[in-house]
Amino acid sequence: MERPRIDAAARRAGHERLRDDLLEIRSRIADITATADSPDGLISATVVGRGELSELRLDPRIYRTADAKALAATIVDTVREAVARSQEELFAVVRQFLPPGAELATSDVHTDPFLHQLDKEIERG
C-alpha cells in the first residue's frame, strides 16, 4: 500500500500560519494588565501577562490593625482576584484557537490553544 504524499508547501504554509498566530498571541498576552482591589480598598494588586505580579499597593492605613495573618490573607486573596481577571483576558485572547464550546474553567489557556491548532494541522495531513 502506498503512503499518502505530503504536500510540503501546504505543510510549510500551515506551520507559518501557526507561527504567525503564536506570535500574535504572545504579543496580545504581553499587553494584558489586570488589577484587583481588596474589599476595604486598602490593597491593590496588578498582574501582567499570564498573571505575574507587577505591582502591589498597600495603603498606609493597613498598619492600624496589627493582625498580620489577616493582612497576609487579604493580600493573597487580592492577588488571586487579579490573576483570575488576567486569566479571563488571556482566555479571550486564545478563545479563537480553542475548540468550539471550550470554557475557561476546563481549559489550560497556556497549552490547549496550541495543541488544538496542532491537531488541526495533523488532520490536514
N, C-alpha and C. Protein backbone atom coordinates (compact mmCIF):
# COMPACT_ATOMS: atom_id res chain seq x y z
N MET A 1 0.84 -1.18 0.00
CA MET A 1 0.00 0.00 0.00
C MET A 1 0.88 1.25 0.00
N GLU A 2 0.54 2.14 -0.85
CA GLU A 2 1.32 3.36 -1.00
C GLU A 2 0.92 4.39 0.07
N ARG A 3 1.93 5.00 0.67
CA ARG A 3 1.67 6.02 1.69
C ARG A 3 1.24 7.31 1.01
N PRO A 4 0.33 8.04 1.65
CA PRO A 4 -0.10 9.31 1.04
C PRO A 4 1.06 10.29 0.98
N ARG A 5 1.05 11.07 -0.08
CA ARG A 5 2.09 12.08 -0.24
C ARG A 5 1.76 13.30 0.61
N ILE A 6 2.78 13.86 1.17
CA ILE A 6 2.63 15.07 1.98
C ILE A 6 3.01 16.26 1.13
N ASP A 7 2.11 17.19 1.03
CA ASP A 7 2.37 18.41 0.27
C ASP A 7 3.23 19.32 1.15
N ALA A 8 4.52 19.35 0.86
CA ALA A 8 5.47 20.10 1.68
C ALA A 8 5.14 21.59 1.71
N ALA A 9 4.72 22.13 0.58
CA ALA A 9 4.40 23.57 0.53
C ALA A 9 3.19 23.87 1.40
N ALA A 10 2.18 23.01 1.35
CA ALA A 10 0.99 23.22 2.18
C ALA A 10 1.33 23.07 3.65
N ARG A 11 2.17 22.09 3.97
CA ARG A 11 2.58 21.90 5.37
C ARG A 11 3.36 23.12 5.86
N ARG A 12 4.26 23.61 5.03
CA ARG A 12 5.04 24.78 5.42
C ARG A 12 4.12 25.99 5.62
N ALA A 13 3.17 26.18 4.73
CA ALA A 13 2.23 27.30 4.86
C ALA A 13 1.42 27.17 6.15
N GLY A 14 1.00 25.96 6.47
CA GLY A 14 0.27 25.74 7.71
C GLY A 14 1.11 26.06 8.93
N HIS A 15 2.36 25.64 8.89
CA HIS A 15 3.26 25.94 10.01
C HIS A 15 3.53 27.44 10.12
N GLU A 16 3.66 28.09 9.00
CA GLU A 16 3.88 29.54 9.02
C GLU A 16 2.67 30.27 9.59
N ARG A 17 1.46 29.82 9.22
CA ARG A 17 0.24 30.40 9.79
C ARG A 17 0.20 30.20 11.31
N LEU A 18 0.54 29.01 11.72
CA LEU A 18 0.55 28.70 13.15
C LEU A 18 1.58 29.55 13.88
N ARG A 19 2.75 29.71 13.28
CA ARG A 19 3.80 30.55 13.87
C ARG A 19 3.32 32.00 13.99
N ASP A 20 2.71 32.51 12.93
CA ASP A 20 2.20 33.88 12.97
C ASP A 20 1.12 34.04 14.05
N ASP A 21 0.24 33.05 14.16
CA ASP A 21 -0.79 33.10 15.20
C ASP A 21 -0.16 33.10 16.59
N LEU A 22 0.85 32.28 16.78
CA LEU A 22 1.52 32.22 18.08
C LEU A 22 2.20 33.55 18.42
N LEU A 23 2.81 34.15 17.43
CA LEU A 23 3.46 35.45 17.67
C LEU A 23 2.43 36.51 18.03
N GLU A 24 1.27 36.47 17.35
CA GLU A 24 0.20 37.42 17.68
C GLU A 24 -0.31 37.19 19.09
N ILE A 25 -0.51 35.94 19.45
CA ILE A 25 -0.99 35.62 20.80
C ILE A 25 0.02 36.11 21.83
N ARG A 26 1.28 35.84 21.60
CA ARG A 26 2.32 36.27 22.54
C ARG A 26 2.29 37.77 22.73
N SER A 27 2.14 38.50 21.66
CA SER A 27 2.09 39.95 21.74
C SER A 27 0.86 40.43 22.52
N ARG A 28 -0.29 39.82 22.24
CA ARG A 28 -1.52 40.21 22.94
C ARG A 28 -1.46 39.84 24.42
N ILE A 29 -0.82 38.71 24.75
CA ILE A 29 -0.68 38.32 26.14
C ILE A 29 0.20 39.32 26.88
N ALA A 30 1.24 39.79 26.21
CA ALA A 30 2.14 40.77 26.84
C ALA A 30 1.41 42.06 27.18
N ASP A 31 0.30 42.34 26.50
CA ASP A 31 -0.46 43.57 26.75
C ASP A 31 -1.48 43.43 27.88
N ILE A 32 -1.67 42.23 28.40
CA ILE A 32 -2.67 42.03 29.45
C ILE A 32 -2.22 42.67 30.75
N THR A 33 -3.11 43.43 31.35
CA THR A 33 -2.91 44.00 32.67
C THR A 33 -4.23 43.89 33.41
N ALA A 34 -4.19 43.35 34.62
CA ALA A 34 -5.42 43.21 35.41
C ALA A 34 -5.14 43.64 36.84
N THR A 35 -6.06 44.41 37.40
CA THR A 35 -5.92 44.92 38.76
C THR A 35 -7.13 44.53 39.58
N ALA A 36 -6.87 44.21 40.84
CA ALA A 36 -7.95 43.92 41.79
C ALA A 36 -7.66 44.68 43.07
N ASP A 37 -8.74 45.10 43.72
CA ASP A 37 -8.63 45.80 45.00
C ASP A 37 -9.28 44.95 46.08
N SER A 38 -8.74 45.04 47.28
CA SER A 38 -9.34 44.33 48.41
C SER A 38 -10.69 44.96 48.71
N PRO A 39 -11.58 44.22 49.37
CA PRO A 39 -12.90 44.77 49.67
C PRO A 39 -12.86 46.11 50.42
N ASP A 40 -11.85 46.28 51.29
CA ASP A 40 -11.76 47.53 52.05
C ASP A 40 -11.03 48.63 51.29
N GLY A 41 -10.49 48.29 50.08
CA GLY A 41 -9.81 49.28 49.26
C GLY A 41 -8.41 49.63 49.71
N LEU A 42 -7.88 48.91 50.68
CA LEU A 42 -6.56 49.23 51.22
C LEU A 42 -5.42 48.52 50.50
N ILE A 43 -5.76 47.53 49.71
CA ILE A 43 -4.75 46.76 48.99
C ILE A 43 -5.15 46.70 47.52
N SER A 44 -4.16 46.91 46.65
CA SER A 44 -4.38 46.82 45.21
C SER A 44 -3.26 45.98 44.62
N ALA A 45 -3.64 44.99 43.81
CA ALA A 45 -2.65 44.14 43.16
C ALA A 45 -2.86 44.22 41.65
N THR A 46 -1.76 44.37 40.93
CA THR A 46 -1.80 44.39 39.47
C THR A 46 -0.91 43.28 38.95
N VAL A 47 -1.46 42.52 38.01
CA VAL A 47 -0.69 41.46 37.37
C VAL A 47 -0.66 41.73 35.87
N VAL A 48 0.35 41.20 35.22
CA VAL A 48 0.51 41.37 33.78
C VAL A 48 0.65 40.01 33.12
N GLY A 49 0.50 40.01 31.80
CA GLY A 49 0.73 38.80 31.02
C GLY A 49 -0.09 37.63 31.49
N ARG A 50 0.58 36.61 31.92
CA ARG A 50 -0.07 35.37 32.35
C ARG A 50 -0.36 35.34 33.84
N GLY A 51 -0.28 36.50 34.48
CA GLY A 51 -0.62 36.58 35.89
C GLY A 51 0.57 36.89 36.79
N GLU A 52 1.63 37.44 36.22
CA GLU A 52 2.79 37.79 37.02
C GLU A 52 2.51 39.08 37.79
N LEU A 53 2.74 39.07 39.09
CA LEU A 53 2.51 40.25 39.92
C LEU A 53 3.48 41.35 39.50
N SER A 54 2.93 42.50 39.13
CA SER A 54 3.79 43.61 38.70
C SER A 54 3.74 44.78 39.68
N GLU A 55 2.66 44.86 40.45
CA GLU A 55 2.55 45.97 41.40
C GLU A 55 1.66 45.56 42.56
N LEU A 56 2.08 45.94 43.75
CA LEU A 56 1.29 45.71 44.95
C LEU A 56 1.27 47.03 45.72
N ARG A 57 0.07 47.57 45.89
CA ARG A 57 -0.07 48.85 46.60
C ARG A 57 -0.73 48.57 47.94
N LEU A 58 -0.08 49.06 49.01
CA LEU A 58 -0.62 48.92 50.36
C LEU A 58 -0.88 50.31 50.92
N ASP A 59 -2.11 50.61 51.21
CA ASP A 59 -2.47 51.88 51.81
C ASP A 59 -1.90 51.91 53.23
N PRO A 60 -1.29 53.00 53.65
CA PRO A 60 -0.71 53.06 54.99
C PRO A 60 -1.70 52.76 56.12
N ARG A 61 -2.98 52.89 55.85
CA ARG A 61 -3.98 52.60 56.89
C ARG A 61 -4.00 51.12 57.28
N ILE A 62 -3.37 50.25 56.50
CA ILE A 62 -3.36 48.83 56.87
C ILE A 62 -2.61 48.60 58.17
N TYR A 63 -1.74 49.52 58.54
CA TYR A 63 -0.93 49.36 59.75
C TYR A 63 -1.70 49.69 61.02
N ARG A 64 -2.93 50.15 60.88
CA ARG A 64 -3.76 50.44 62.05
C ARG A 64 -4.19 49.16 62.76
N THR A 65 -4.17 48.07 62.04
CA THR A 65 -4.55 46.79 62.62
C THR A 65 -3.29 45.92 62.67
N ALA A 66 -3.06 45.29 63.79
CA ALA A 66 -1.84 44.51 63.97
C ALA A 66 -2.02 43.03 63.63
N ASP A 67 -3.03 42.70 62.86
CA ASP A 67 -3.31 41.32 62.53
C ASP A 67 -2.59 40.94 61.22
N ALA A 68 -1.34 40.51 61.35
CA ALA A 68 -0.53 40.18 60.18
C ALA A 68 -1.11 39.02 59.40
N LYS A 69 -1.71 38.06 60.09
CA LYS A 69 -2.28 36.90 59.42
C LYS A 69 -3.45 37.32 58.51
N ALA A 70 -4.31 38.19 59.03
CA ALA A 70 -5.44 38.68 58.23
C ALA A 70 -4.95 39.52 57.06
N LEU A 71 -3.92 40.34 57.29
CA LEU A 71 -3.35 41.16 56.22
C LEU A 71 -2.78 40.26 55.11
N ALA A 72 -2.04 39.24 55.50
CA ALA A 72 -1.46 38.32 54.51
C ALA A 72 -2.57 37.64 53.71
N ALA A 73 -3.62 37.21 54.38
CA ALA A 73 -4.73 36.54 53.68
C ALA A 73 -5.41 37.49 52.70
N THR A 74 -5.57 38.74 53.10
CA THR A 74 -6.20 39.73 52.22
C THR A 74 -5.32 40.01 51.00
N ILE A 75 -4.01 40.07 51.23
CA ILE A 75 -3.09 40.28 50.11
C ILE A 75 -3.18 39.11 49.13
N VAL A 76 -3.14 37.90 49.65
CA VAL A 76 -3.22 36.71 48.79
C VAL A 76 -4.54 36.69 48.03
N ASP A 77 -5.64 36.96 48.70
CA ASP A 77 -6.95 36.97 48.03
C ASP A 77 -7.01 38.03 46.93
N THR A 78 -6.43 39.19 47.19
CA THR A 78 -6.44 40.27 46.21
C THR A 78 -5.60 39.91 44.99
N VAL A 79 -4.43 39.32 45.23
CA VAL A 79 -3.58 38.89 44.11
C VAL A 79 -4.29 37.79 43.31
N ARG A 80 -4.94 36.85 44.00
CA ARG A 80 -5.68 35.79 43.30
C ARG A 80 -6.78 36.37 42.42
N GLU A 81 -7.46 37.38 42.92
CA GLU A 81 -8.53 38.01 42.12
C GLU A 81 -7.94 38.67 40.87
N ALA A 82 -6.80 39.34 41.02
CA ALA A 82 -6.15 39.96 39.86
C ALA A 82 -5.72 38.89 38.86
N VAL A 83 -5.19 37.78 39.35
CA VAL A 83 -4.77 36.69 38.47
C VAL A 83 -5.99 36.11 37.75
N ALA A 84 -7.09 35.93 38.47
CA ALA A 84 -8.32 35.41 37.85
C ALA A 84 -8.78 36.34 36.72
N ARG A 85 -8.70 37.63 36.95
CA ARG A 85 -9.09 38.59 35.90
C ARG A 85 -8.15 38.50 34.70
N SER A 86 -6.85 38.33 34.97
CA SER A 86 -5.91 38.21 33.86
C SER A 86 -6.16 36.92 33.08
N GLN A 87 -6.55 35.85 33.78
CA GLN A 87 -6.86 34.58 33.11
C GLN A 87 -8.08 34.74 32.19
N GLU A 88 -9.06 35.53 32.64
CA GLU A 88 -10.22 35.81 31.79
C GLU A 88 -9.81 36.54 30.52
N GLU A 89 -8.92 37.51 30.68
CA GLU A 89 -8.42 38.24 29.50
C GLU A 89 -7.60 37.32 28.60
N LEU A 90 -6.79 36.48 29.20
CA LEU A 90 -5.98 35.54 28.44
C LEU A 90 -6.88 34.56 27.67
N PHE A 91 -7.94 34.10 28.31
CA PHE A 91 -8.89 33.20 27.65
C PHE A 91 -9.51 33.89 26.44
N ALA A 92 -9.85 35.17 26.60
CA ALA A 92 -10.43 35.92 25.48
C ALA A 92 -9.44 36.01 24.32
N VAL A 93 -8.15 36.13 24.62
CA VAL A 93 -7.13 36.21 23.57
C VAL A 93 -7.01 34.89 22.82
N VAL A 94 -7.03 33.77 23.54
CA VAL A 94 -6.79 32.48 22.90
C VAL A 94 -8.06 31.75 22.48
N ARG A 95 -9.22 32.29 22.82
CA ARG A 95 -10.50 31.63 22.55
C ARG A 95 -10.67 31.19 21.11
N GLN A 96 -10.23 32.02 20.17
CA GLN A 96 -10.41 31.68 18.75
C GLN A 96 -9.58 30.46 18.33
N PHE A 97 -8.61 30.07 19.16
CA PHE A 97 -7.76 28.94 18.83
C PHE A 97 -8.14 27.67 19.60
N LEU A 98 -9.24 27.74 20.33
CA LEU A 98 -9.73 26.60 21.10
C LEU A 98 -10.90 25.94 20.37
N PRO A 99 -11.18 24.69 20.72
CA PRO A 99 -12.32 24.04 20.08
C PRO A 99 -13.63 24.71 20.48
N PRO A 100 -14.65 24.59 19.65
CA PRO A 100 -15.95 25.16 20.00
C PRO A 100 -16.42 24.62 21.35
N GLY A 101 -17.00 25.48 22.13
CA GLY A 101 -17.53 25.06 23.43
C GLY A 101 -16.52 25.06 24.56
N ALA A 102 -15.27 25.39 24.28
CA ALA A 102 -14.26 25.43 25.33
C ALA A 102 -14.60 26.51 26.34
N GLU A 103 -14.33 26.23 27.60
CA GLU A 103 -14.61 27.18 28.68
C GLU A 103 -13.35 27.38 29.51
N LEU A 104 -13.25 28.53 30.11
CA LEU A 104 -12.08 28.86 30.92
C LEU A 104 -11.86 27.84 32.03
N ALA A 105 -12.92 27.44 32.70
CA ALA A 105 -12.80 26.53 33.84
C ALA A 105 -12.21 25.17 33.46
N THR A 106 -12.37 24.76 32.22
CA THR A 106 -11.92 23.43 31.80
C THR A 106 -10.79 23.48 30.77
N SER A 107 -10.26 24.66 30.53
CA SER A 107 -9.19 24.81 29.54
C SER A 107 -7.89 25.22 30.20
N ASP A 108 -6.81 24.71 29.68
CA ASP A 108 -5.50 25.19 30.07
C ASP A 108 -5.13 26.25 29.04
N VAL A 109 -5.29 27.51 29.42
CA VAL A 109 -5.10 28.60 28.45
C VAL A 109 -3.65 28.72 27.98
N HIS A 110 -2.75 28.03 28.66
CA HIS A 110 -1.34 28.13 28.28
C HIS A 110 -0.95 27.12 27.20
N THR A 111 -1.64 25.99 27.14
CA THR A 111 -1.24 24.98 26.16
C THR A 111 -2.37 24.51 25.25
N ASP A 112 -3.60 24.50 25.70
CA ASP A 112 -4.71 23.96 24.89
C ASP A 112 -4.85 24.63 23.53
N PRO A 113 -4.72 25.96 23.42
CA PRO A 113 -4.88 26.56 22.09
C PRO A 113 -3.86 26.02 21.09
N PHE A 114 -2.65 25.81 21.54
CA PHE A 114 -1.60 25.36 20.64
C PHE A 114 -1.78 23.88 20.28
N LEU A 115 -2.19 23.10 21.26
CA LEU A 115 -2.45 21.69 20.98
C LEU A 115 -3.61 21.54 20.00
N HIS A 116 -4.64 22.36 20.17
CA HIS A 116 -5.79 22.30 19.26
C HIS A 116 -5.36 22.66 17.84
N GLN A 117 -4.55 23.70 17.70
CA GLN A 117 -4.10 24.11 16.37
C GLN A 117 -3.20 23.03 15.75
N LEU A 118 -2.36 22.41 16.56
CA LEU A 118 -1.50 21.33 16.04
C LEU A 118 -2.36 20.15 15.60
N ASP A 119 -3.39 19.82 16.37
CA ASP A 119 -4.29 18.74 15.98
C ASP A 119 -4.95 19.04 14.62
N LYS A 120 -5.34 20.29 14.42
CA LYS A 120 -5.94 20.67 13.15
C LYS A 120 -4.95 20.50 12.00
N GLU A 121 -3.69 20.87 12.25
CA GLU A 121 -2.67 20.72 11.22
C GLU A 121 -2.43 19.24 10.91
N ILE A 122 -2.41 18.42 11.94
CA ILE A 122 -2.19 16.99 11.75
C ILE A 122 -3.34 16.40 10.92
N GLU A 123 -4.56 16.80 11.23
CA GLU A 123 -5.74 16.30 10.49
C GLU A 123 -5.66 16.67 9.02
N ARG A 124 -5.11 17.85 8.73
CA ARG A 124 -5.00 18.28 7.33
C ARG A 124 -4.00 17.42 6.57
N GLY A 125 -3.06 16.82 7.33
CA GLY A 125 -2.16 15.88 6.71
C GLY A 125 -0.87 16.43 6.28
